[in-house]
Every structure is written in structure tokens, then in C-alpha cells.
Amino acid sequence: MRTTSVRSCVGALSAAAAALLLSAGPAVADITSPSPSASESLAPVTTAGSSFLTATAVQPGQPVQLAGSTGDYLYWSFTSEAGRTDKIAITVTLPPKASRHGASSWAVDVFDGLRRRQACTAGAQTPTAAAGAASVTLGCTLRKVRSWAEPWSGDPLPGTYYVRLAVTELPEEDLGLPMQVAMRISAHDSDDIQPEGGKLTTPLTQPIAAGTVQTSAPPVAAEKEKGTGWSWSWDWLPDLSTRWAWTAVGGVIAAITGVGGYSLTRHPRRRRRRPEHDGYNHL
């Protein structure tokens, strides 16, 4: 009887241990298995704009990888919120050393929604790549975005920001050579987002009204039907303005001056003297 009870206790403990391991197995698997981050799920951006209006939109954490030509201006745009500090990191893979003719200087500039250039607190904003360098790294850490600011301060405010990559100094022979650009924008949030004394009502984003492309010629307005009867029209007269008034006054003054000057400078007429009679009749 004692052996049977021991065996039953051992069996019960084994079943409980097996059930505990089976229930803990998925939990352990869930903890150890890595979950994809938001930045890894975003598709990489392979294009860039050539101006502010055509800037390619990029989200923080989204990779940017594209092929371009040296000498081109590349534009991207991203949105930032109050309390966020944005950091831009760019790596430019230069053309092969054999095809280059000298050093090159690069620059990354950041503008807010009103096209105001923002200062960088850290990062190589204007580096120079040597003639034998394979790549050049640029960076810009913006100031923390504020919820409001004075109009004259130029502090970063919530809204759209634009990133511009350009080469500032380059040998003329190197213009148009192929290059590779990799960029990533990272955002760091902060709890201190509300300065005292004010509040920004709307994000600092300049509205852009996109136009429409016309595929056909616009319709021509029909001309007004000309009347068959006689009608007097004043369309041939010019529009009266201050210029015409001063012209008329000037003409009158010139005419009066001319008449007065002639009357003052003309010679008096000589009178004819009649012959005096001496009492004799001349035959």
C-alpha cells in the first residue's frame, strides 16, 4: 500500500511539472523572440526632391537610400512635434577616387515651415572630403521643438521641416559624377514641452496649393456679337489718370508762356511818315 501511494504521488508531481513546463514554454518563447521595431517596418525612401515644393516626405526612423549625381540639390521633409529633438545623420559615398579631381565640401541645412534656416547644436554640418576619401559624413542636431515662441526669436516650432543636402565646393570636372546617399532622422522626446506664458495654436506649416496639369487647350471665350446699327464707343480713348492731367496742365502753361514771351520780345511796328506839303502842287 505504501509503494502504491508513493508511486501515485510521484506520478502526480510529474504531471504537474509537465503541465508547468508546457504553460511556461510559450511565455519564454515570447520573451526571447525579438519583435520588429517601427523603423524596420518602414520601407526605405529611394527618392529626393529638387526644391522645397517637391521635397520627399520622410518619417523619423525611416531609412533613406538613393543614388544621385554630385552637384544636385536634394530635399526631404519631415514633421516634428513639441518636446522633440531631431537628429539628422547623412553619409555620402563619393565617386571612385580615380574619377575625382580634388577635394569637395558638403553642407546639410535644415529649414522650418516658413523657410527659416535652423541652427544645428551638434554634428558636422559643413565637412570637407579629401581627394582620396571614400565617403563623407554629415550631421545636424536641431534644438528642442518648443510649443510656442516669440515671432522674432526664430525658435523651432511644431510643423514641417526641410532637409537640404548640397555640395558647396567641387571641381568643375567632377560635376555629375554618381554618388550614393544614406540618411536617417531620429527623434528623441522630452517631457519639458510647455514653456510658460503662451501656446501655439496651429503647427508652423506653410500651406501649399498644388496646381492642376492641363491636358488640352483652354476654351476660348466667344466674341461679343457686333451690332449692325451705329453706336458710339469711347474704347479708343485712353484711361484718364494723374499723368494725363499733369500733361494737360503742362501744355496750357507752355502755351501761355510762349504767347507772353512773344509779346515781350517782338519789335514795334514802324509808322510810315506822310510827306509834308510845302504849298506847291507837284505835277
Protein backbone atom coordinates (compact mmCIF):
# COMPACT_ATOMS: atom_id res chain seq x y z
CA MET A 1 0.00 0.00 0.00
CA ARG A 2 2.82 2.37 0.84
CA THR A 3 4.52 1.65 -2.51
CA THR A 4 1.34 2.34 -4.39
CA SER A 5 0.84 5.68 -2.61
CA VAL A 6 4.43 6.71 -3.32
CA ARG A 7 4.03 5.85 -6.99
CA SER A 8 0.80 7.84 -7.18
CA CYS A 9 2.45 10.87 -5.57
CA VAL A 10 5.40 10.67 -7.96
CA GLY A 11 3.03 10.44 -10.91
CA ALA A 12 1.05 13.43 -9.74
CA LEU A 13 4.21 15.50 -9.29
CA SER A 14 5.45 14.52 -12.76
CA ALA A 15 2.16 15.51 -14.37
CA ALA A 16 2.17 18.86 -12.55
CA ALA A 17 5.77 19.55 -13.63
CA ALA A 18 4.95 18.70 -17.25
CA ALA A 19 1.92 20.97 -17.21
CA LEU A 20 4.02 23.77 -15.72
CA LEU A 21 6.68 23.41 -18.41
CA LEU A 22 4.11 23.38 -21.20
CA SER A 23 2.47 26.53 -19.88
CA ALA A 24 5.80 28.33 -19.41
CA GLY A 25 7.13 27.36 -22.83
CA PRO A 26 5.23 29.93 -24.95
CA ALA A 27 5.90 32.67 -22.39
CA VAL A 28 9.63 32.08 -22.56
CA ALA A 29 9.47 32.00 -26.34
CA ASP A 30 7.59 35.28 -26.38
CA ILE A 31 10.21 36.96 -24.20
CA THR A 32 13.23 35.76 -26.11
CA SER A 33 11.87 36.31 -29.65
CA PRO A 34 12.69 39.86 -30.91
CA SER A 35 9.81 41.99 -32.19
CA PRO A 36 10.33 44.19 -35.25
CA SER A 37 10.65 47.90 -34.46
CA ALA A 38 8.65 50.64 -36.14
CA SER A 39 11.67 51.87 -38.10
CA GLU A 40 12.38 48.39 -39.51
CA SER A 41 8.80 48.08 -40.77
CA LEU A 42 9.03 51.30 -42.77
CA ALA A 43 10.01 50.95 -46.40
CA PRO A 44 13.22 52.79 -47.34
CA VAL A 45 12.92 56.03 -49.31
CA THR A 46 14.74 55.98 -52.64
CA THR A 47 13.90 59.46 -53.97
CA ALA A 48 14.55 63.09 -53.13
CA GLY A 49 13.07 66.38 -54.27
CA SER A 50 14.85 69.16 -56.11
CA SER A 51 13.18 72.08 -54.24
CA PHE A 52 11.07 72.87 -51.20
CA LEU A 53 7.86 72.22 -53.12
CA THR A 54 8.97 68.79 -54.34
CA ALA A 55 10.67 67.61 -51.13
CA THR A 56 10.18 63.90 -50.39
CA ALA A 57 8.37 63.19 -47.11
CA VAL A 58 10.32 61.06 -44.62
CA GLN A 59 9.28 59.75 -41.20
CA PRO A 60 11.66 59.66 -38.22
CA GLY A 61 13.45 56.33 -38.23
CA GLN A 62 12.72 55.64 -41.89
CA PRO A 63 15.89 54.84 -43.86
CA VAL A 64 16.77 56.86 -46.95
CA GLN A 65 18.95 55.26 -49.61
CA LEU A 66 19.27 56.67 -53.09
CA ALA A 67 21.65 57.23 -55.96
CA GLY A 68 22.29 60.75 -57.20
CA SER A 69 24.75 62.99 -59.01
CA THR A 70 27.24 65.34 -57.44
CA GLY A 71 26.12 68.92 -57.77
CA ASP A 72 22.39 68.20 -57.33
CA TYR A 73 20.32 69.73 -54.52
CA LEU A 74 18.43 67.05 -52.59
CA TYR A 75 15.41 67.93 -50.41
CA TRP A 76 13.47 65.91 -47.83
CA SER A 77 10.72 66.92 -45.39
CA PHE A 78 9.63 65.55 -42.03
CA THR A 79 7.19 66.54 -39.28
CA SER A 80 8.21 67.33 -35.72
CA GLU A 81 6.19 67.90 -32.56
CA ALA A 82 6.68 69.92 -29.40
CA GLY A 83 9.25 68.49 -26.98
CA ARG A 84 11.09 66.54 -29.67
CA THR A 85 14.78 66.84 -30.52
CA ASP A 86 15.55 65.68 -34.08
CA LYS A 87 18.91 64.44 -35.25
CA ILE A 88 19.87 64.03 -38.92
CA ALA A 89 22.71 61.73 -39.96
CA ILE A 90 23.83 61.57 -43.61
CA THR A 91 26.55 59.51 -45.24
CA VAL A 92 27.56 60.29 -48.82
CA THR A 93 29.53 57.63 -50.69
CA LEU A 94 31.73 59.59 -53.06
CA PRO A 95 32.56 58.59 -56.65
CA PRO A 96 35.64 56.43 -57.24
CA LYS A 97 38.93 58.10 -56.44
CA ALA A 98 40.22 57.67 -59.99
CA SER A 99 37.39 59.75 -61.46
CA ARG A 100 37.67 62.69 -59.00
CA HIS A 101 39.91 65.73 -59.44
CA GLY A 102 40.13 67.20 -55.95
CA ALA A 103 38.51 67.75 -52.58
CA SER A 104 34.85 68.58 -52.12
CA SER A 105 32.89 70.47 -49.44
CA TRP A 106 29.36 69.48 -48.44
CA ALA A 107 26.60 71.08 -46.39
CA VAL A 108 23.35 69.99 -44.76
CA ASP A 109 20.81 72.71 -43.95
CA VAL A 110 17.51 72.43 -42.10
CA PHE A 111 14.62 74.88 -42.59
CA ASP A 112 11.29 75.18 -40.80
CA GLY A 113 7.88 75.56 -42.40
CA LEU A 114 8.47 79.27 -43.08
CA ARG A 115 11.79 78.57 -44.85
CA ARG A 116 13.77 79.90 -41.87
CA ARG A 117 17.15 78.25 -41.53
CA GLN A 118 17.53 76.43 -38.20
CA ALA A 119 20.78 76.26 -36.27
CA CYS A 120 22.48 72.94 -35.50
CA THR A 121 23.67 72.31 -31.97
CA ALA A 122 25.88 69.34 -32.87
CA GLY A 123 27.13 67.43 -35.89
CA ALA A 124 29.38 68.07 -38.87
CA GLN A 125 27.23 70.47 -40.85
CA THR A 126 29.82 71.58 -43.44
CA PRO A 127 32.53 68.91 -43.73
CA THR A 128 35.20 68.71 -46.40
CA ALA A 129 36.09 65.43 -48.07
CA ALA A 130 39.68 64.94 -49.14
CA ALA A 131 40.55 63.97 -52.68
CA GLY A 132 41.20 60.36 -51.63
CA ALA A 133 38.27 59.95 -49.22
CA ALA A 134 35.73 57.23 -49.99
CA SER A 135 32.82 58.87 -48.13
CA VAL A 136 31.85 61.90 -46.09
CA THR A 137 29.59 62.04 -43.04
CA LEU A 138 27.28 64.95 -42.24
CA GLY A 139 25.10 65.54 -39.20
CA CYS A 140 22.81 68.10 -37.61
CA THR A 141 21.12 68.01 -34.22
CA LEU A 142 18.31 70.54 -34.02
CA ARG A 143 17.22 72.41 -30.96
CA LYS A 144 14.30 71.05 -29.00
CA VAL A 145 10.99 71.96 -30.61
CA ARG A 146 9.02 74.35 -28.45
CA SER A 147 5.26 74.61 -28.09
CA TRP A 148 5.39 78.38 -28.67
CA ALA A 149 7.91 81.18 -29.19
CA GLU A 150 8.13 84.88 -29.91
CA PRO A 151 7.92 85.79 -33.63
CA TRP A 152 11.37 87.39 -33.60
CA SER A 153 13.15 84.51 -31.86
CA GLY A 154 13.20 82.01 -34.72
CA ASP A 155 12.98 79.07 -32.30
CA PRO A 156 11.88 75.71 -33.75
CA LEU A 157 8.11 75.20 -33.52
CA PRO A 158 5.86 72.23 -34.31
CA GLY A 159 5.31 71.68 -38.02
CA THR A 160 7.14 70.63 -41.16
CA TYR A 161 10.91 70.80 -41.50
CA TYR A 162 13.02 70.55 -44.66
CA VAL A 163 16.46 68.96 -45.04
CA ARG A 164 18.71 70.07 -47.91
CA LEU A 165 21.90 68.30 -48.94
CA ALA A 166 24.24 70.06 -51.35
CA VAL A 167 27.87 70.27 -52.33
CA THR A 168 29.28 73.78 -51.89
CA GLU A 169 32.78 73.41 -53.37
CA LEU A 170 33.68 70.93 -56.08
CA PRO A 171 35.99 70.82 -59.10
CA GLU A 172 34.05 71.55 -62.23
CA GLU A 173 35.19 68.29 -63.81
CA ASP A 174 33.51 66.32 -61.00
CA LEU A 175 30.02 67.68 -61.60
CA GLY A 176 27.55 64.94 -62.48
CA LEU A 177 29.57 62.01 -61.13
CA PRO A 178 27.44 59.28 -59.48
CA MET A 179 27.18 59.12 -55.70
CA GLN A 180 25.24 57.22 -53.03
CA VAL A 181 23.34 58.93 -50.18
CA ALA A 182 22.15 57.31 -46.95
CA MET A 183 20.19 59.34 -44.38
CA ARG A 184 18.30 58.63 -41.18
CA ILE A 185 16.32 61.02 -38.97
CA SER A 186 15.99 60.10 -35.31
CA ALA A 187 13.67 61.80 -32.83
CA HIS A 188 14.06 61.99 -29.05
CA ASP A 189 11.08 63.05 -26.95
CA SER A 190 11.20 65.16 -23.79
CA ASP A 191 8.67 65.86 -21.05
CA ASP A 192 9.50 69.57 -20.79
CA ILE A 193 7.48 70.85 -23.77
CA GLN A 194 5.44 73.73 -22.36
CA PRO A 195 7.29 76.98 -21.64
CA GLU A 196 5.48 79.47 -19.51
CA GLY A 197 3.40 82.26 -20.96
CA GLY A 198 2.00 81.06 -24.28
CA LYS A 199 0.73 78.35 -26.57
CA LEU A 200 0.99 77.65 -30.30
CA THR A 201 -2.48 77.23 -31.82
CA THR A 202 -1.53 75.65 -35.16
CA PRO A 203 1.62 73.90 -36.46
CA LEU A 204 4.13 76.03 -38.31
CA THR A 205 3.46 74.69 -41.79
CA GLN A 206 3.17 76.85 -44.86
CA PRO A 207 0.13 75.85 -46.97
CA ILE A 208 0.96 74.69 -50.46
CA ALA A 209 -1.74 74.81 -53.14
CA ALA A 210 -0.88 72.32 -55.83
CA GLY A 211 -1.83 73.28 -59.35
CA THR A 212 -3.55 71.17 -61.98
CA VAL A 213 -1.96 69.99 -65.21
CA GLN A 214 -3.90 70.96 -68.31
CA THR A 215 -4.07 68.23 -70.92
CA SER A 216 -5.90 70.33 -73.52
CA ALA A 217 -6.03 73.94 -74.58
CA PRO A 218 -8.38 76.11 -72.51
CA PRO A 219 -11.64 77.08 -74.23
CA VAL A 220 -11.64 80.45 -75.96
CA ALA A 221 -14.38 82.82 -74.89
CA ALA A 222 -16.81 83.67 -77.65
CA GLU A 223 -16.50 87.19 -79.01
CA LYS A 224 -19.37 89.57 -78.45
CA GLU A 225 -21.63 89.99 -81.44
CA LYS A 226 -21.09 93.30 -83.11
CA GLY A 227 -24.26 95.38 -83.60
CA THR A 228 -25.38 96.32 -87.08
CA GLY A 229 -26.51 99.81 -86.09
CA TRP A 230 -24.36 102.87 -85.49
CA SER A 231 -23.06 103.07 -81.96
CA TRP A 232 -20.56 105.44 -80.45
CA SER A 233 -17.79 103.86 -78.43
CA TRP A 234 -15.29 105.50 -76.12
CA ASP A 235 -13.00 102.49 -76.01
CA TRP A 236 -10.42 104.21 -78.19
CA LEU A 237 -9.87 106.89 -75.57
CA PRO A 238 -7.11 106.22 -73.06
CA ASP A 239 -7.92 105.91 -69.40
CA LEU A 240 -7.68 109.24 -67.62
CA SER A 241 -5.16 109.33 -64.84
CA THR A 242 -2.96 111.79 -62.95
CA ARG A 243 -0.39 111.53 -65.71
CA TRP A 244 -2.83 112.84 -68.30
CA ALA A 245 -3.94 115.67 -66.00
CA TRP A 246 -0.39 116.88 -65.45
CA THR A 247 0.28 116.60 -69.19
CA ALA A 248 -2.71 118.83 -69.99
CA VAL A 249 -1.73 121.39 -67.33
CA GLY A 250 1.81 121.43 -68.63
CA GLY A 251 0.59 122.05 -72.19
CA VAL A 252 -1.57 125.01 -71.10
CA ILE A 253 1.29 126.56 -69.13
CA ALA A 254 3.64 126.12 -72.11
CA ALA A 255 1.16 127.84 -74.45
CA ILE A 256 0.68 130.80 -72.09
CA THR A 257 4.42 131.15 -71.62
CA GLY A 258 5.00 131.09 -75.36
CA VAL A 259 2.43 133.82 -76.07
CA GLY A 260 3.76 136.01 -73.26
CA GLY A 261 7.33 135.62 -74.37
CA TYR A 262 6.47 136.53 -77.95
CA SER A 263 4.60 139.65 -76.89
CA LEU A 264 7.59 140.83 -74.84
CA THR A 265 10.28 140.15 -77.40
CA ARG A 266 8.61 141.26 -80.67
CA HIS A 267 9.81 144.54 -82.42
CA PRO A 268 7.37 147.53 -82.51
CA ARG A 269 5.92 148.39 -85.88
CA ARG A 270 7.41 151.44 -87.57
CA ARG A 271 4.93 154.07 -88.60
CA ARG A 272 5.06 155.48 -92.11
CA ARG A 273 5.65 159.20 -92.24
CA ARG A 274 3.49 161.08 -94.71
CA PRO A 275 5.24 163.70 -96.93
CA GLU A 276 4.72 167.28 -95.72
CA HIS A 277 3.03 169.77 -98.14
CA ASP A 278 5.10 172.82 -98.83
CA GLY A 279 2.27 174.72 -100.55
CA TYR A 280 3.22 173.73 -104.03
CA ASN A 281 1.49 171.27 -106.16
CA HIS A 282 3.77 168.90 -107.69
CA LEU A 283 2.84 167.78 -111.09
